[in-house]
Amino acid sequence: MANPGLSEAFCPYYRRAVELIGRRWTGAILRALASGVNRFSDIADTVPGLSDRMLSERLKELENEGIVVRTVHPETPVRIDYQLTDKGRSLRKVMEELSSWAYAWLAPSEEASHVTEDQEAARQTTSGAEVA
């Protein structure tokens, strides 16, 4: 007999989404784009340690997935912008929730002292503590 919880525990769409946005540098690139940074060099400057080669590769992957659109402006010099599509913008809430979780659970203690009340409530809820 099959395990009844197995189908609920494994979702191929969830796995694919996590693998897509969880690839190295992808989350940071998406966050930069969501904050309004849209030029290649500006994204590279915003994300410390990200090489141009890796940024180019990740942007192509995101473009192929329909999460980012690349626009070439025929100017001198040529200007290329990257923007989130509707599909990409729909990830904003996910990124905000993940940021809240990261600040609540992963931030060093001095940064954790700046956690908002909402973030603290989320921490208490996910840890099983009652929210006041």
N, C-alpha and C. Protein backbone atom coordinates (compact mmCIF):
# COMPACT_ATOMS: atom_id res chain seq x y z
N MET A 1 0.85 -1.19 0.00
CA MET A 1 0.00 0.00 0.00
C MET A 1 0.89 1.24 0.00
N ALA A 2 0.57 2.21 -0.79
CA ALA A 2 1.37 3.43 -0.90
C ALA A 2 1.21 4.29 0.35
N ASN A 3 2.25 5.02 0.66
CA ASN A 3 2.22 5.94 1.80
C ASN A 3 1.32 7.12 1.46
N PRO A 4 0.20 7.32 2.18
CA PRO A 4 -0.75 8.39 1.83
C PRO A 4 -0.15 9.79 1.95
N GLY A 5 0.82 9.99 2.83
CA GLY A 5 1.42 11.32 2.99
C GLY A 5 2.47 11.63 1.95
N LEU A 6 2.93 10.61 1.22
CA LEU A 6 4.01 10.80 0.25
C LEU A 6 3.62 11.76 -0.86
N SER A 7 2.41 11.63 -1.40
CA SER A 7 2.00 12.51 -2.50
C SER A 7 1.89 13.96 -2.04
N GLU A 8 1.54 14.17 -0.79
CA GLU A 8 1.48 15.53 -0.25
C GLU A 8 2.87 16.06 0.08
N ALA A 9 3.77 15.17 0.47
CA ALA A 9 5.11 15.59 0.85
C ALA A 9 5.96 15.92 -0.36
N PHE A 10 5.72 15.27 -1.48
CA PHE A 10 6.51 15.53 -2.68
C PHE A 10 5.65 16.15 -3.76
N CYS A 11 6.07 17.31 -4.21
CA CYS A 11 5.39 17.99 -5.31
C CYS A 11 6.45 18.35 -6.34
N PRO A 12 6.35 17.85 -7.54
CA PRO A 12 7.38 18.13 -8.55
C PRO A 12 7.47 19.61 -8.90
N TYR A 13 6.37 20.34 -8.80
CA TYR A 13 6.40 21.77 -9.11
C TYR A 13 7.14 22.55 -8.03
N TYR A 14 6.90 22.17 -6.77
CA TYR A 14 7.61 22.80 -5.66
C TYR A 14 9.11 22.53 -5.79
N ARG A 15 9.47 21.27 -6.05
CA ARG A 15 10.88 20.92 -6.20
C ARG A 15 11.52 21.74 -7.32
N ARG A 16 10.84 21.85 -8.45
CA ARG A 16 11.39 22.61 -9.58
C ARG A 16 11.55 24.08 -9.22
N ALA A 17 10.56 24.66 -8.53
CA ALA A 17 10.63 26.06 -8.13
C ALA A 17 11.80 26.31 -7.19
N VAL A 18 11.97 25.44 -6.21
CA VAL A 18 13.07 25.58 -5.25
C VAL A 18 14.41 25.45 -5.96
N GLU A 19 14.52 24.49 -6.86
CA GLU A 19 15.78 24.32 -7.60
C GLU A 19 16.06 25.51 -8.51
N LEU A 20 15.01 26.08 -9.09
CA LEU A 20 15.19 27.23 -9.98
C LEU A 20 15.64 28.47 -9.22
N ILE A 21 14.88 28.87 -8.22
CA ILE A 21 15.23 30.11 -7.51
C ILE A 21 16.29 29.90 -6.45
N GLY A 22 16.57 28.63 -6.13
CA GLY A 22 17.57 28.34 -5.12
C GLY A 22 18.98 28.15 -5.68
N ARG A 23 19.12 28.27 -6.99
CA ARG A 23 20.46 28.13 -7.57
C ARG A 23 21.34 29.26 -7.07
N ARG A 24 22.64 28.97 -6.97
CA ARG A 24 23.57 29.96 -6.46
C ARG A 24 23.45 31.26 -7.24
N TRP A 25 23.33 32.35 -6.53
CA TRP A 25 23.23 33.74 -7.01
C TRP A 25 21.85 34.13 -7.51
N THR A 26 21.00 33.19 -7.85
CA THR A 26 19.71 33.54 -8.45
C THR A 26 18.85 34.37 -7.50
N GLY A 27 18.78 33.98 -6.25
CA GLY A 27 17.98 34.75 -5.29
C GLY A 27 18.47 36.17 -5.14
N ALA A 28 19.78 36.35 -5.09
CA ALA A 28 20.34 37.70 -4.96
C ALA A 28 20.06 38.53 -6.21
N ILE A 29 20.13 37.91 -7.37
CA ILE A 29 19.84 38.62 -8.63
C ILE A 29 18.37 39.02 -8.66
N LEU A 30 17.49 38.10 -8.29
CA LEU A 30 16.06 38.41 -8.27
C LEU A 30 15.75 39.54 -7.29
N ARG A 31 16.41 39.51 -6.15
CA ARG A 31 16.18 40.56 -5.15
C ARG A 31 16.66 41.92 -5.67
N ALA A 32 17.80 41.93 -6.36
CA ALA A 32 18.30 43.17 -6.94
C ALA A 32 17.32 43.70 -7.98
N LEU A 33 16.84 42.83 -8.85
CA LEU A 33 15.87 43.24 -9.87
C LEU A 33 14.58 43.74 -9.23
N ALA A 34 14.13 43.07 -8.19
CA ALA A 34 12.89 43.47 -7.50
C ALA A 34 13.04 44.84 -6.84
N SER A 35 14.26 45.20 -6.48
CA SER A 35 14.48 46.50 -5.83
C SER A 35 14.67 47.63 -6.85
N GLY A 36 14.61 47.29 -8.14
CA GLY A 36 14.69 48.33 -9.17
C GLY A 36 16.02 48.42 -9.90
N VAL A 37 16.98 47.61 -9.53
CA VAL A 37 18.26 47.58 -10.23
C VAL A 37 18.03 46.82 -11.53
N ASN A 38 18.36 47.43 -12.69
CA ASN A 38 18.03 46.74 -13.93
C ASN A 38 19.13 46.74 -15.00
N ARG A 39 20.28 47.31 -14.72
CA ARG A 39 21.39 47.27 -15.68
C ARG A 39 22.37 46.20 -15.23
N PHE A 40 23.01 45.53 -16.20
CA PHE A 40 23.92 44.44 -15.91
C PHE A 40 24.99 44.86 -14.90
N SER A 41 25.65 45.98 -15.16
CA SER A 41 26.74 46.42 -14.29
C SER A 41 26.23 46.80 -12.90
N ASP A 42 25.02 47.34 -12.83
CA ASP A 42 24.45 47.70 -11.53
C ASP A 42 24.10 46.45 -10.72
N ILE A 43 23.59 45.42 -11.40
CA ILE A 43 23.31 44.16 -10.71
C ILE A 43 24.62 43.57 -10.19
N ALA A 44 25.64 43.58 -11.04
CA ALA A 44 26.95 43.04 -10.63
C ALA A 44 27.50 43.80 -9.44
N ASP A 45 27.32 45.12 -9.41
CA ASP A 45 27.79 45.93 -8.29
C ASP A 45 26.98 45.69 -7.03
N THR A 46 25.70 45.38 -7.18
CA THR A 46 24.81 45.18 -6.05
C THR A 46 25.07 43.86 -5.33
N VAL A 47 25.50 42.85 -6.06
CA VAL A 47 25.69 41.51 -5.50
C VAL A 47 27.19 41.23 -5.37
N PRO A 48 27.74 41.40 -4.17
CA PRO A 48 29.18 41.17 -3.99
C PRO A 48 29.59 39.73 -4.30
N GLY A 49 30.70 39.60 -5.03
CA GLY A 49 31.24 38.29 -5.32
C GLY A 49 30.68 37.62 -6.57
N LEU A 50 29.70 38.23 -7.20
CA LEU A 50 29.08 37.67 -8.39
C LEU A 50 29.90 38.03 -9.62
N SER A 51 30.39 37.02 -10.33
CA SER A 51 31.19 37.29 -11.53
C SER A 51 30.28 37.65 -12.71
N ASP A 52 30.84 38.35 -13.68
CA ASP A 52 30.08 38.71 -14.87
C ASP A 52 29.61 37.46 -15.61
N ARG A 53 30.46 36.44 -15.69
CA ARG A 53 30.10 35.21 -16.37
C ARG A 53 28.89 34.54 -15.71
N MET A 54 28.92 34.47 -14.38
CA MET A 54 27.82 33.83 -13.65
C MET A 54 26.55 34.67 -13.74
N LEU A 55 26.68 36.00 -13.67
CA LEU A 55 25.51 36.87 -13.81
C LEU A 55 24.88 36.67 -15.18
N SER A 56 25.69 36.64 -16.21
CA SER A 56 25.19 36.44 -17.56
C SER A 56 24.47 35.10 -17.69
N GLU A 57 25.05 34.05 -17.12
CA GLU A 57 24.45 32.72 -17.17
C GLU A 57 23.11 32.69 -16.44
N ARG A 58 23.07 33.25 -15.25
CA ARG A 58 21.82 33.25 -14.48
C ARG A 58 20.73 34.09 -15.14
N LEU A 59 21.11 35.24 -15.69
CA LEU A 59 20.12 36.08 -16.37
C LEU A 59 19.53 35.35 -17.58
N LYS A 60 20.36 34.61 -18.31
CA LYS A 60 19.87 33.83 -19.46
C LYS A 60 18.90 32.75 -18.98
N GLU A 61 19.23 32.08 -17.88
CA GLU A 61 18.34 31.05 -17.34
C GLU A 61 17.00 31.66 -16.94
N LEU A 62 17.05 32.80 -16.25
CA LEU A 62 15.83 33.46 -15.81
C LEU A 62 15.01 33.96 -17.00
N GLU A 63 15.70 34.41 -18.03
CA GLU A 63 15.01 34.85 -19.25
C GLU A 63 14.34 33.64 -19.92
N ASN A 64 15.04 32.53 -20.00
CA ASN A 64 14.47 31.31 -20.61
C ASN A 64 13.26 30.80 -19.84
N GLU A 65 13.23 31.03 -18.54
CA GLU A 65 12.10 30.60 -17.70
C GLU A 65 10.95 31.61 -17.72
N GLY A 66 11.15 32.75 -18.38
CA GLY A 66 10.09 33.76 -18.44
C GLY A 66 9.98 34.59 -17.18
N ILE A 67 11.02 34.62 -16.36
CA ILE A 67 11.02 35.37 -15.11
C ILE A 67 11.62 36.75 -15.30
N VAL A 68 12.52 36.87 -16.27
CA VAL A 68 13.20 38.13 -16.58
C VAL A 68 13.06 38.39 -18.07
N VAL A 69 12.90 39.66 -18.41
CA VAL A 69 12.90 40.06 -19.82
C VAL A 69 14.10 40.96 -20.05
N ARG A 70 14.76 40.74 -21.16
CA ARG A 70 15.95 41.51 -21.56
C ARG A 70 15.52 42.45 -22.67
N THR A 71 15.79 43.74 -22.47
CA THR A 71 15.42 44.75 -23.47
C THR A 71 16.67 45.46 -23.95
N VAL A 72 16.86 45.46 -25.26
CA VAL A 72 18.00 46.15 -25.88
C VAL A 72 17.50 47.48 -26.41
N HIS A 73 18.12 48.56 -25.96
CA HIS A 73 17.78 49.90 -26.42
C HIS A 73 18.84 50.31 -27.45
N PRO A 74 18.43 50.51 -28.72
CA PRO A 74 19.40 50.83 -29.77
C PRO A 74 19.88 52.28 -29.68
N GLU A 75 20.75 52.50 -28.75
CA GLU A 75 21.35 53.81 -28.53
C GLU A 75 22.84 53.68 -28.73
N THR A 76 23.52 54.77 -28.66
CA THR A 76 24.99 54.72 -28.69
C THR A 76 25.47 55.27 -27.36
N PRO A 77 26.10 54.47 -26.53
CA PRO A 77 26.28 53.02 -26.68
C PRO A 77 24.98 52.27 -26.43
N VAL A 78 24.93 51.03 -26.90
CA VAL A 78 23.75 50.19 -26.72
C VAL A 78 23.50 50.02 -25.23
N ARG A 79 22.23 50.12 -24.85
CA ARG A 79 21.85 49.96 -23.45
C ARG A 79 20.96 48.73 -23.33
N ILE A 80 21.26 47.87 -22.37
CA ILE A 80 20.48 46.66 -22.14
C ILE A 80 19.95 46.69 -20.71
N ASP A 81 18.64 46.51 -20.60
CA ASP A 81 17.98 46.47 -19.29
C ASP A 81 17.39 45.09 -19.06
N TYR A 82 17.33 44.73 -17.80
CA TYR A 82 16.69 43.48 -17.38
C TYR A 82 15.60 43.86 -16.40
N GLN A 83 14.42 43.28 -16.59
CA GLN A 83 13.31 43.55 -15.69
C GLN A 83 12.57 42.26 -15.40
N LEU A 84 11.95 42.23 -14.24
CA LEU A 84 11.12 41.09 -13.90
C LEU A 84 9.84 41.13 -14.74
N THR A 85 9.43 39.97 -15.21
CA THR A 85 8.14 39.84 -15.89
C THR A 85 7.06 39.72 -14.81
N ASP A 86 5.81 39.58 -15.23
CA ASP A 86 4.74 39.35 -14.26
C ASP A 86 5.04 38.09 -13.45
N LYS A 87 5.55 37.08 -14.13
CA LYS A 87 5.93 35.83 -13.45
C LYS A 87 7.01 36.10 -12.41
N GLY A 88 7.99 36.93 -12.76
CA GLY A 88 9.06 37.27 -11.83
C GLY A 88 8.58 38.14 -10.69
N ARG A 89 7.73 39.12 -11.01
CA ARG A 89 7.21 40.01 -9.95
C ARG A 89 6.35 39.24 -8.96
N SER A 90 5.73 38.14 -9.42
CA SER A 90 4.91 37.35 -8.50
C SER A 90 5.76 36.67 -7.43
N LEU A 91 7.07 36.65 -7.60
CA LEU A 91 7.97 36.08 -6.59
C LEU A 91 8.28 37.07 -5.46
N ARG A 92 7.87 38.31 -5.58
CA ARG A 92 8.20 39.32 -4.55
C ARG A 92 7.72 38.90 -3.16
N LYS A 93 6.50 38.41 -3.07
CA LYS A 93 5.98 38.02 -1.75
C LYS A 93 6.81 36.87 -1.18
N VAL A 94 7.19 35.94 -2.04
CA VAL A 94 8.04 34.82 -1.61
C VAL A 94 9.38 35.36 -1.09
N MET A 95 9.96 36.31 -1.84
CA MET A 95 11.25 36.88 -1.42
C MET A 95 11.12 37.65 -0.11
N GLU A 96 10.02 38.37 0.07
CA GLU A 96 9.80 39.11 1.32
C GLU A 96 9.67 38.14 2.49
N GLU A 97 8.91 37.07 2.30
CA GLU A 97 8.74 36.07 3.36
C GLU A 97 10.06 35.40 3.70
N LEU A 98 10.83 35.06 2.67
CA LEU A 98 12.13 34.43 2.89
C LEU A 98 13.08 35.39 3.60
N SER A 99 13.04 36.66 3.24
CA SER A 99 13.87 37.67 3.93
C SER A 99 13.49 37.77 5.40
N SER A 100 12.20 37.80 5.68
CA SER A 100 11.74 37.86 7.07
C SER A 100 12.22 36.64 7.85
N TRP A 101 12.10 35.48 7.25
CA TRP A 101 12.56 34.26 7.90
C TRP A 101 14.07 34.32 8.14
N ALA A 102 14.82 34.79 7.14
CA ALA A 102 16.28 34.86 7.27
C ALA A 102 16.69 35.81 8.38
N TYR A 103 16.06 36.98 8.47
CA TYR A 103 16.39 37.92 9.54
C TYR A 103 16.02 37.36 10.90
N ALA A 104 14.90 36.64 10.96
CA ALA A 104 14.47 36.08 12.24
C ALA A 104 15.33 34.92 12.69
N TRP A 105 15.82 34.10 11.76
CA TRP A 105 16.49 32.87 12.14
C TRP A 105 17.97 32.80 11.82
N LEU A 106 18.46 33.61 10.88
CA LEU A 106 19.85 33.49 10.46
C LEU A 106 20.71 34.70 10.76
N ALA A 107 20.09 35.83 11.08
CA ALA A 107 20.85 37.06 11.32
C ALA A 107 21.67 36.93 12.60
N PRO A 108 22.90 37.48 12.59
CA PRO A 108 23.69 37.52 13.83
C PRO A 108 22.91 38.28 14.91
N SER A 109 23.24 38.04 16.14
CA SER A 109 22.46 38.61 17.25
C SER A 109 22.34 40.12 17.18
N GLU A 110 23.37 40.84 16.75
CA GLU A 110 23.25 42.30 16.69
C GLU A 110 22.27 42.74 15.61
N GLU A 111 22.18 41.99 14.51
CA GLU A 111 21.19 42.31 13.49
C GLU A 111 19.82 41.85 13.92
N ALA A 112 19.75 40.77 14.64
CA ALA A 112 18.47 40.24 15.08
C ALA A 112 17.77 41.21 16.02
N SER A 113 18.52 42.09 16.67
CA SER A 113 17.88 43.06 17.55
C SER A 113 17.07 44.09 16.77
N HIS A 114 17.28 44.13 15.45
CA HIS A 114 16.53 45.05 14.60
C HIS A 114 15.34 44.38 13.92
N VAL A 115 15.01 43.18 14.36
CA VAL A 115 13.90 42.44 13.78
C VAL A 115 12.60 43.16 14.10
N THR A 116 11.75 43.28 13.10
CA THR A 116 10.47 43.97 13.30
C THR A 116 9.54 43.10 14.13
N GLU A 117 8.46 43.72 14.62
CA GLU A 117 7.47 42.96 15.40
C GLU A 117 6.85 41.86 14.56
N ASP A 118 6.60 42.12 13.26
CA ASP A 118 6.03 41.11 12.38
C ASP A 118 6.98 39.93 12.23
N GLN A 119 8.27 40.22 12.10
CA GLN A 119 9.25 39.16 11.96
C GLN A 119 9.33 38.34 13.24
N GLU A 120 9.28 39.00 14.39
CA GLU A 120 9.31 38.29 15.66
C GLU A 120 8.07 37.42 15.81
N ALA A 121 6.91 37.93 15.38
CA ALA A 121 5.69 37.14 15.43
C ALA A 121 5.82 35.92 14.53
N ALA A 122 6.42 36.10 13.36
CA ALA A 122 6.63 34.97 12.45
C ALA A 122 7.56 33.95 13.07
N ARG A 123 8.60 34.41 13.74
CA ARG A 123 9.54 33.50 14.39
C ARG A 123 8.83 32.70 15.47
N GLN A 124 8.02 33.38 16.28
CA GLN A 124 7.32 32.69 17.35
C GLN A 124 6.30 31.71 16.81
N THR A 125 5.64 32.09 15.71
CA THR A 125 4.64 31.20 15.11
C THR A 125 5.31 29.95 14.56
N THR A 126 6.43 30.12 13.84
CA THR A 126 7.08 28.96 13.23
C THR A 126 7.81 28.10 14.25
N SER A 127 8.13 28.66 15.42
CA SER A 127 8.79 27.86 16.45
C SER A 127 7.80 27.19 17.38
N GLY A 128 6.51 27.47 17.18
CA GLY A 128 5.49 26.85 18.00
C GLY A 128 5.13 27.65 19.24
N ALA A 129 5.81 28.79 19.49
CA ALA A 129 5.49 29.62 20.64
C ALA A 129 4.22 30.41 20.35
N GLU A 130 3.50 30.74 21.37
CA GLU A 130 2.31 31.54 21.20
C GLU A 130 2.70 32.97 20.90
N VAL A 131 1.91 33.59 20.03
CA VAL A 131 2.13 35.00 19.70
C VAL A 131 1.30 35.82 20.67
N ALA A 132 1.94 36.83 21.28
CA ALA A 132 1.24 37.65 22.27
C ALA A 132 0.18 38.51 21.65
